[in-house]
Amino acid sequence: MIPKNKKTPRDFHAHAMTKYTVFQVKEPAELMAFLMNKMAGISRTRAKALLTNKMVLVNNTIQTQYNFLLQPGMTVQISKKKHKYEFKHPLLKILYEDAYLIVVEKKEGLLSVANEKQKERTAQHILNEYVKRQHQNNRIYVVHRLDRETSGIMMYAKDEKTQHTLRDNWHNIVYDRRYVAIVSGSMEENEGAVRSWLTDRKLYVSSSPTDNGGKYAITHYHTIKRANNYSLIELQLETGRKNQIRVHMQTIGHPIVGDERYGSNVDPLGRLALHAFKLCFYHPVTGEQMIFETPYPSPFKSLMLRK
């Protein structure tokens, strides 16, 4: 008879010489409780250390969240030595990662998705290379995009099912997306909304006040500060069309600073003054409320200091 706290060979899905001890999840459980149950005798402190040292993977993705909710069918791998999967890139910062999705903050000048001309200098490629270091079959899936010239928060899926869930239920899952921008001139209104029909002309997006067959778009804005013939505004998207904010700001006569394509003739920051600073959504698998927010870029604040 096998002692109660001893593991049978079937409990371990890895040979002694491999890098991991592997467990299959049979029923829902929080990760910490699962580890302590499967690794009989392990202390809570030791279990936390495994997570902190990035030695626990869920579905081939490093997981450090002790209360991460495991679902039946998932695979939990415990590394036999510390990982060195630190992510460092001058144009990209990981804000959150789990087995289903990855949330990042990208710098301006970086494409979010590969195109015909640029395959490698993109957030998509950089993150693909990163997840493949954890497991060769890993990859990321595009959910939404930010313009190359726009900085800020965005997310990618870690599998096709999560990608489809996010895309098919975007407006139910993502409940708040906000941007900050500096526009030319002094905004007449403290708050308002811009509504129009947008048509993609490939080189630019055109706007029409009446339905001309384009896609209907709504952008809400709130003026935070006016100074030096500029206005600092916060924008909230009700729809997510290509170049929507940029086109709408041009439409009301206040193009975004540095946006030559859409009417700006000034570029004091050497970049498009548009930043996606807030992204709030319900986790597509766990339903947990996820809130990500970054500070306004420092150059934006500096430009708005009264002279």
Protein backbone atom coordinates (compact mmCIF):
# COMPACT_ATOMS: atom_id res chain seq x y z
CA MET A 1 0.00 0.00 0.00
CA ILE A 2 1.31 3.41 -0.90
CA PRO A 3 1.53 5.94 1.98
CA LYS A 4 -1.10 8.66 1.75
CA ASN A 5 1.36 11.53 1.16
CA LYS A 6 3.53 9.73 -1.35
CA LYS A 7 3.13 10.23 -5.08
CA THR A 8 2.73 7.34 -7.47
CA PRO A 9 4.66 7.31 -10.76
CA ARG A 10 1.46 8.27 -12.57
CA ASP A 11 1.35 11.57 -10.64
CA PHE A 12 4.43 12.71 -12.50
CA HIS A 13 4.31 13.17 -16.26
CA ALA A 14 8.02 13.74 -16.67
CA HIS A 15 11.13 11.62 -16.35
CA ALA A 16 13.71 12.42 -13.70
CA MET A 17 16.13 13.77 -16.29
CA THR A 18 13.72 16.33 -17.80
CA LYS A 19 13.56 19.99 -16.77
CA TYR A 20 10.02 19.90 -15.35
CA THR A 21 7.65 18.03 -13.10
CA VAL A 22 4.28 18.13 -14.88
CA PHE A 23 0.77 17.88 -13.46
CA GLN A 24 -2.57 17.81 -15.25
CA VAL A 25 -5.41 19.84 -13.74
CA LYS A 26 -8.51 17.70 -13.11
CA GLU A 27 -10.76 20.24 -11.34
CA PRO A 28 -10.87 24.03 -10.76
CA ALA A 29 -8.41 25.28 -8.14
CA GLU A 30 -6.29 28.29 -7.26
CA LEU A 31 -2.67 27.81 -8.25
CA MET A 32 -1.22 28.11 -4.72
CA ALA A 33 -3.62 25.50 -3.32
CA PHE A 34 -2.93 23.24 -6.30
CA LEU A 35 0.85 23.40 -5.74
CA MET A 36 0.58 22.68 -2.03
CA ASN A 37 -1.74 19.75 -2.71
CA LYS A 38 0.36 18.19 -5.47
CA MET A 39 3.72 18.78 -3.79
CA ALA A 40 2.82 17.15 -0.49
CA GLY A 41 4.65 18.66 2.45
CA ILE A 42 5.68 21.87 0.67
CA SER A 43 5.31 25.00 2.80
CA ARG A 44 3.35 28.07 1.73
CA THR A 45 6.61 30.03 1.77
CA ARG A 46 8.26 27.53 -0.58
CA ALA A 47 5.26 27.58 -2.92
CA LYS A 48 5.40 31.39 -3.05
CA ALA A 49 9.13 31.22 -3.79
CA LEU A 50 8.48 28.93 -6.77
CA LEU A 51 6.05 31.50 -8.17
CA THR A 52 8.27 34.50 -7.43
CA ASN A 53 11.26 32.82 -9.06
CA LYS A 54 9.21 32.11 -12.22
CA MET A 55 9.55 28.35 -11.76
CA VAL A 56 5.85 27.58 -12.37
CA LEU A 57 4.32 27.45 -15.84
CA VAL A 58 0.64 27.06 -16.72
CA ASN A 59 0.05 25.88 -20.28
CA ASN A 60 3.69 26.68 -21.11
CA THR A 61 3.44 30.24 -19.77
CA ILE A 62 5.19 31.47 -16.62
CA GLN A 63 2.62 32.24 -13.93
CA THR A 64 3.46 34.22 -10.78
CA GLN A 65 -0.07 34.97 -9.56
CA TYR A 66 -0.72 32.79 -6.50
CA ASN A 67 -4.53 32.95 -6.86
CA PHE A 68 -4.56 32.27 -10.60
CA LEU A 69 -7.61 30.11 -11.28
CA LEU A 70 -6.74 26.77 -12.88
CA GLN A 71 -9.30 25.03 -15.08
CA PRO A 72 -9.64 21.32 -15.94
CA GLY A 73 -7.41 20.36 -18.86
CA MET A 74 -4.65 22.82 -18.03
CA THR A 75 -1.07 21.68 -17.55
CA VAL A 76 1.06 22.91 -14.65
CA GLN A 77 4.83 22.57 -15.01
CA ILE A 78 7.26 23.09 -12.13
CA SER A 79 10.80 23.82 -13.18
CA LYS A 80 13.70 22.13 -11.44
CA LYS A 81 15.77 25.31 -11.63
CA LYS A 82 15.18 29.04 -11.84
CA HIS A 83 14.17 30.45 -15.20
CA LYS A 84 15.87 33.41 -16.78
CA TYR A 85 13.00 34.64 -18.89
CA GLU A 86 13.25 38.28 -17.92
CA PHE A 87 11.76 40.48 -20.61
CA LYS A 88 13.60 43.68 -21.42
CA HIS A 89 13.10 45.75 -24.54
CA PRO A 90 13.53 49.50 -25.07
CA LEU A 91 10.26 49.81 -27.01
CA LEU A 92 8.02 47.42 -25.11
CA LYS A 93 7.10 46.73 -21.49
CA ILE A 94 5.02 43.81 -20.22
CA LEU A 95 2.41 44.96 -17.70
CA TYR A 96 0.68 41.60 -17.16
CA GLU A 97 0.87 38.04 -18.44
CA ASP A 98 -0.96 34.82 -17.75
CA ALA A 99 -1.79 31.63 -19.65
CA TYR A 100 -4.40 33.39 -21.79
CA LEU A 101 -3.26 36.91 -22.54
CA ILE A 102 -0.47 39.45 -22.31
CA VAL A 103 -0.88 43.19 -21.68
CA VAL A 104 1.90 45.54 -22.79
CA GLU A 105 2.81 49.19 -23.07
CA LYS A 106 4.47 50.05 -26.35
CA LYS A 107 6.53 53.09 -27.30
CA GLU A 108 5.69 55.33 -30.21
CA GLY A 109 7.39 54.29 -33.48
CA LEU A 110 6.75 50.57 -32.98
CA LEU A 111 4.22 48.75 -35.15
CA SER A 112 1.79 46.64 -33.13
CA VAL A 113 1.30 44.12 -35.96
CA ALA A 114 3.56 42.96 -38.80
CA ASN A 115 2.84 44.24 -42.30
CA GLU A 116 4.24 43.51 -45.77
CA LYS A 117 7.18 45.88 -45.34
CA GLN A 118 8.02 45.30 -41.68
CA LYS A 119 8.00 41.82 -40.14
CA GLU A 120 10.44 42.02 -37.24
CA ARG A 121 10.41 45.52 -35.73
CA THR A 122 6.91 44.99 -34.37
CA ALA A 123 5.40 44.32 -30.94
CA GLN A 124 3.90 41.14 -32.38
CA HIS A 125 7.30 39.76 -33.44
CA ILE A 126 9.08 40.81 -30.23
CA LEU A 127 6.45 39.10 -28.07
CA ASN A 128 6.42 36.00 -30.26
CA GLU A 129 10.17 35.64 -29.75
CA TYR A 130 9.69 36.07 -26.00
CA VAL A 131 6.96 33.42 -25.57
CA LYS A 132 8.84 30.97 -27.79
CA ARG A 133 11.72 31.08 -25.30
CA GLN A 134 9.32 29.57 -22.77
CA HIS A 135 8.12 26.89 -25.19
CA GLN A 136 8.77 26.51 -28.91
CA ASN A 137 5.07 26.03 -29.72
CA ASN A 138 3.98 29.23 -28.00
CA ARG A 139 2.84 32.25 -29.99
CA ILE A 140 0.69 35.34 -29.56
CA TYR A 141 -2.49 36.30 -31.39
CA VAL A 142 -3.52 39.80 -32.42
CA VAL A 143 -6.67 41.18 -30.80
CA HIS A 144 -6.55 44.93 -31.55
CA ARG A 145 -3.99 47.51 -32.71
CA LEU A 146 -2.42 50.84 -31.93
CA ASP A 147 -1.07 53.05 -34.71
CA ARG A 148 2.71 52.96 -35.11
CA GLU A 149 2.93 56.61 -33.96
CA THR A 150 0.71 56.05 -30.90
CA SER A 151 2.15 54.84 -27.60
CA GLY A 152 0.35 53.08 -24.79
CA ILE A 153 -1.44 50.01 -23.49
CA MET A 154 -2.67 47.13 -25.62
CA MET A 155 -3.17 43.39 -25.27
CA TYR A 156 -2.61 40.18 -27.20
CA ALA A 157 -4.09 36.70 -26.74
CA LYS A 158 -1.95 33.64 -26.01
CA ASP A 159 -4.18 31.18 -27.88
CA GLU A 160 -6.73 31.17 -30.69
CA LYS A 161 -9.75 30.51 -28.47
CA THR A 162 -9.00 33.54 -26.29
CA GLN A 163 -8.37 35.63 -29.40
CA HIS A 164 -11.79 34.74 -30.82
CA THR A 165 -13.50 35.34 -27.48
CA LEU A 166 -11.98 38.82 -27.24
CA ARG A 167 -12.67 39.77 -30.84
CA ASP A 168 -16.22 38.41 -30.96
CA ASN A 169 -17.22 39.98 -27.63
CA TRP A 170 -14.97 43.05 -27.63
CA HIS A 171 -17.63 45.60 -26.63
CA ASN A 172 -18.90 43.41 -23.79
CA ILE A 173 -15.45 42.53 -22.47
CA VAL A 174 -13.61 45.85 -22.86
CA TYR A 175 -15.56 48.43 -20.89
CA ASP A 176 -13.14 51.38 -20.83
CA ARG A 177 -10.41 52.54 -23.23
CA ARG A 178 -8.95 55.99 -22.74
CA TYR A 179 -6.33 58.07 -24.46
CA VAL A 180 -4.60 61.34 -23.67
CA ALA A 181 -3.60 63.74 -26.42
CA ILE A 182 -2.32 67.25 -27.00
CA VAL A 183 -4.11 69.07 -29.79
CA SER A 184 -3.43 72.36 -31.51
CA GLY A 185 -5.33 75.43 -30.37
CA SER A 186 -7.59 76.09 -27.40
CA MET A 187 -10.56 73.72 -27.25
CA GLU A 188 -13.85 75.61 -27.29
CA GLU A 189 -15.71 73.05 -25.19
CA ASN A 190 -14.75 71.40 -21.91
CA GLU A 191 -16.32 68.16 -23.07
CA GLY A 192 -18.22 66.75 -25.97
CA ALA A 193 -18.38 63.99 -28.58
CA VAL A 194 -17.47 63.70 -32.24
CA ARG A 195 -19.63 61.51 -34.47
CA SER A 196 -19.03 60.74 -38.12
CA TRP A 197 -18.72 58.01 -40.75
CA LEU A 198 -15.12 56.98 -41.49
CA THR A 199 -13.84 55.48 -44.73
CA ASP A 200 -10.41 53.90 -45.12
CA ARG A 201 -8.68 55.32 -48.20
CA LYS A 202 -5.50 53.25 -47.51
CA LEU A 203 -3.17 56.28 -47.25
CA TYR A 204 -5.58 58.07 -44.92
CA VAL A 205 -9.05 57.82 -43.40
CA SER A 206 -11.74 60.27 -44.49
CA SER A 207 -14.63 61.52 -42.38
CA SER A 208 -18.21 62.33 -43.38
CA PRO A 209 -20.93 63.95 -41.22
CA THR A 210 -23.54 61.87 -43.05
CA ASP A 211 -23.76 58.17 -43.83
CA ASN A 212 -21.73 57.64 -47.00
CA GLY A 213 -21.22 53.90 -46.56
CA GLY A 214 -18.35 54.31 -44.12
CA LYS A 215 -18.15 52.97 -40.55
CA TYR A 216 -19.90 54.98 -37.85
CA ALA A 217 -17.49 56.24 -35.18
CA ILE A 218 -17.96 58.04 -31.85
CA THR A 219 -15.19 59.69 -29.81
CA HIS A 220 -15.86 61.37 -26.45
CA TYR A 221 -13.45 64.04 -25.21
CA HIS A 222 -12.80 65.99 -22.03
CA THR A 223 -10.53 69.05 -21.93
CA ILE A 224 -8.08 68.89 -19.03
CA LYS A 225 -5.93 71.96 -19.61
CA ARG A 226 -5.32 74.78 -22.10
CA ALA A 227 -1.89 76.44 -22.37
CA ASN A 228 0.54 77.82 -24.96
CA ASN A 229 -2.04 77.51 -27.73
CA TYR A 230 -2.39 73.78 -27.03
CA SER A 231 -5.03 71.72 -25.24
CA LEU A 232 -4.46 68.58 -23.19
CA ILE A 233 -7.47 66.33 -23.62
CA GLU A 234 -8.65 62.92 -22.48
CA LEU A 235 -10.50 60.77 -25.01
CA GLN A 236 -12.76 57.78 -24.60
CA LEU A 237 -13.64 55.52 -27.52
CA GLU A 238 -17.17 54.29 -28.02
CA THR A 239 -16.09 52.65 -31.27
CA GLY A 240 -12.63 51.56 -32.37
CA ARG A 241 -12.05 52.52 -36.00
CA LYS A 242 -8.72 52.94 -37.76
CA ASN A 243 -7.19 56.38 -37.02
CA GLN A 244 -10.47 57.34 -35.35
CA ILE A 245 -9.15 59.81 -32.77
CA ARG A 246 -6.75 61.43 -35.22
CA VAL A 247 -9.43 61.96 -37.86
CA HIS A 248 -11.99 63.23 -35.37
CA MET A 249 -9.62 65.80 -33.88
CA GLN A 250 -8.89 67.10 -37.38
CA THR A 251 -12.64 67.18 -38.05
CA ILE A 252 -13.28 69.64 -35.20
CA GLY A 253 -10.31 71.82 -36.15
CA HIS A 254 -7.91 70.69 -33.43
CA PRO A 255 -5.48 68.19 -35.00
CA ILE A 256 -3.23 66.19 -32.72
CA VAL A 257 0.20 67.78 -32.31
CA GLY A 258 2.75 66.09 -34.58
CA ASP A 259 0.09 64.53 -36.82
CA GLU A 260 1.07 65.82 -40.25
CA ARG A 261 -1.20 63.31 -42.00
CA TYR A 262 -4.26 64.73 -40.32
CA GLY A 263 -3.69 68.46 -40.41
CA SER A 264 -1.03 69.35 -37.85
CA ASN A 265 1.69 71.80 -38.90
CA VAL A 266 3.59 71.72 -35.57
CA ASP A 267 5.73 68.99 -34.02
CA PRO A 268 7.22 70.25 -30.73
CA LEU A 269 7.62 66.76 -29.26
CA GLY A 270 9.06 65.00 -32.31
CA ARG A 271 6.23 62.48 -32.09
CA LEU A 272 2.47 62.10 -32.37
CA ALA A 273 1.05 63.41 -29.09
CA LEU A 274 -1.36 60.51 -28.54
CA HIS A 275 -1.06 57.90 -25.78
CA ALA A 276 -3.41 55.03 -24.80
CA PHE A 277 -3.16 55.36 -21.03
CA LYS A 278 -6.03 53.18 -19.78
CA LEU A 279 -7.44 49.76 -20.67
CA CYS A 280 -10.14 48.08 -18.57
CA PHE A 281 -11.76 44.72 -19.36
CA TYR A 282 -13.23 41.57 -17.92
CA HIS A 283 -10.85 38.64 -18.20
CA PRO A 284 -12.13 36.50 -21.12
CA VAL A 285 -11.69 33.26 -19.15
CA THR A 286 -11.90 34.04 -15.42
CA GLY A 287 -14.27 37.03 -15.67
CA GLU A 288 -11.98 38.96 -13.31
CA GLN A 289 -12.04 42.76 -13.63
CA MET A 290 -8.71 43.88 -15.10
CA ILE A 291 -7.62 47.54 -14.88
CA PHE A 292 -4.41 48.87 -16.43
CA GLU A 293 -3.36 52.50 -16.36
CA THR A 294 -0.11 54.33 -17.08
CA PRO A 295 0.83 57.94 -16.26
CA TYR A 296 0.57 60.62 -18.95
CA PRO A 297 3.91 60.80 -20.81
CA SER A 298 6.27 63.34 -19.20
CA PRO A 299 6.81 65.31 -22.48
CA PHE A 300 3.05 65.88 -22.64
CA LYS A 301 3.11 67.46 -19.17
CA SER A 302 6.16 69.57 -19.99
CA LEU A 303 4.58 71.00 -23.14
CA MET A 304 1.55 72.11 -21.15
CA LEU A 305 3.52 74.06 -18.54
CA ARG A 306 2.62 77.71 -18.88
CA LYS A 307 5.43 79.89 -20.20
